[in-house]
Amino acid sequence: MFLANTDEQGRKAITQLLYTASERTTSSKERLRIRKAAMDVDRGERAAAPYNHEAAMRKYQEEFKKNYPEPGK
């Protein structure tokens, strides 16, 4: 969200912060995810995909209906 309003120096600081965070995490899966975000920010891209709350809620509701059908149906 802040990257769109950040200059080159700010991006470099954020990139370094992400690399430092990736080195400190104990999970190899999370380390790779954070490192990818750092590389994306370094290239001028987003650190993560935008979150679509409505789509996530629809997916949750569909899964809920599959696992817990209405009584009598």
Protein backbone atom coordinates (compact mmCIF):
# COMPACT_ATOMS: atom_id res chain seq x y z
CA MET A 1 0.00 0.00 0.00
CA PHE A 2 2.79 2.42 0.89
CA LEU A 3 5.03 1.42 -1.99
CA ALA A 4 3.11 3.51 -4.51
CA ASN A 5 4.06 6.62 -2.52
CA THR A 6 7.64 5.63 -1.74
CA ASP A 7 10.70 6.92 -3.54
CA GLU A 8 13.71 4.81 -4.56
CA GLN A 9 15.48 5.30 -1.25
CA GLY A 10 12.37 4.19 0.63
CA ARG A 11 12.03 1.09 -1.56
CA LYS A 12 15.63 0.16 -0.82
CA ALA A 13 14.98 0.50 2.91
CA ILE A 14 11.84 -1.66 2.66
CA THR A 15 13.71 -4.23 0.57
CA GLN A 16 16.48 -4.42 3.18
CA LEU A 17 13.91 -4.73 5.97
CA LEU A 18 12.26 -7.64 4.18
CA TYR A 19 15.60 -9.39 3.56
CA THR A 20 16.46 -9.00 7.25
CA ALA A 21 13.07 -10.42 8.23
CA SER A 22 13.54 -13.38 5.90
CA GLU A 23 16.90 -14.18 7.48
CA ARG A 24 15.41 -14.12 10.98
CA THR A 25 12.44 -16.40 10.36
CA THR A 26 12.72 -20.08 11.26
CA SER A 27 10.29 -21.41 8.65
CA SER A 28 11.86 -22.09 5.27
CA LYS A 29 8.46 -21.64 3.58
CA GLU A 30 8.02 -18.20 5.14
CA ARG A 31 11.64 -17.29 4.45
CA LEU A 32 11.09 -17.90 0.73
CA ARG A 33 7.80 -15.97 0.74
CA ILE A 34 9.37 -12.94 2.43
CA ARG A 35 12.46 -13.09 0.22
CA LYS A 36 10.23 -13.16 -2.90
CA ALA A 37 8.42 -10.09 -1.57
CA ALA A 38 11.79 -8.35 -1.10
CA MET A 39 12.82 -9.15 -4.67
CA ASP A 40 9.46 -7.94 -6.00
CA VAL A 41 9.75 -4.64 -4.11
CA ASP A 42 13.31 -4.24 -5.37
CA ARG A 43 11.99 -4.55 -8.95
CA GLY A 44 9.30 -1.95 -8.28
CA GLU A 45 6.46 -4.45 -7.98
CA ARG A 46 3.99 -5.21 -5.19
CA ALA A 47 5.14 -7.13 -2.12
CA ALA A 48 1.90 -9.16 -2.20
CA ALA A 49 -1.25 -9.46 -4.24
CA PRO A 50 -4.11 -7.16 -3.23
CA TYR A 51 -6.60 -8.78 -0.85
CA ASN A 52 -10.17 -9.09 -2.10
CA HIS A 53 -12.37 -9.48 0.97
CA GLU A 54 -15.58 -10.13 -0.97
CA ALA A 55 -14.02 -12.98 -2.97
CA ALA A 56 -12.51 -14.50 0.17
CA MET A 57 -15.88 -14.40 1.94
CA ARG A 58 -17.67 -16.02 -1.03
CA LYS A 59 -15.11 -18.83 -1.03
CA TYR A 60 -15.49 -19.30 2.73
CA GLN A 61 -19.28 -19.39 2.47
CA GLU A 62 -19.18 -21.94 -0.37
CA GLU A 63 -16.84 -24.21 1.63
CA PHE A 64 -19.05 -23.84 4.70
CA LYS A 65 -22.17 -24.82 2.73
CA LYS A 66 -20.40 -27.91 1.35
CA ASN A 67 -19.26 -29.03 4.79
CA TYR A 68 -22.38 -28.08 6.75
CA PRO A 69 -25.52 -28.43 4.58
CA GLU A 70 -28.75 -26.98 5.87
CA PRO A 71 -30.78 -29.45 7.95
CA GLY A 72 -33.56 -31.12 5.96
CA LYS A 73 -31.91 -30.64 2.57
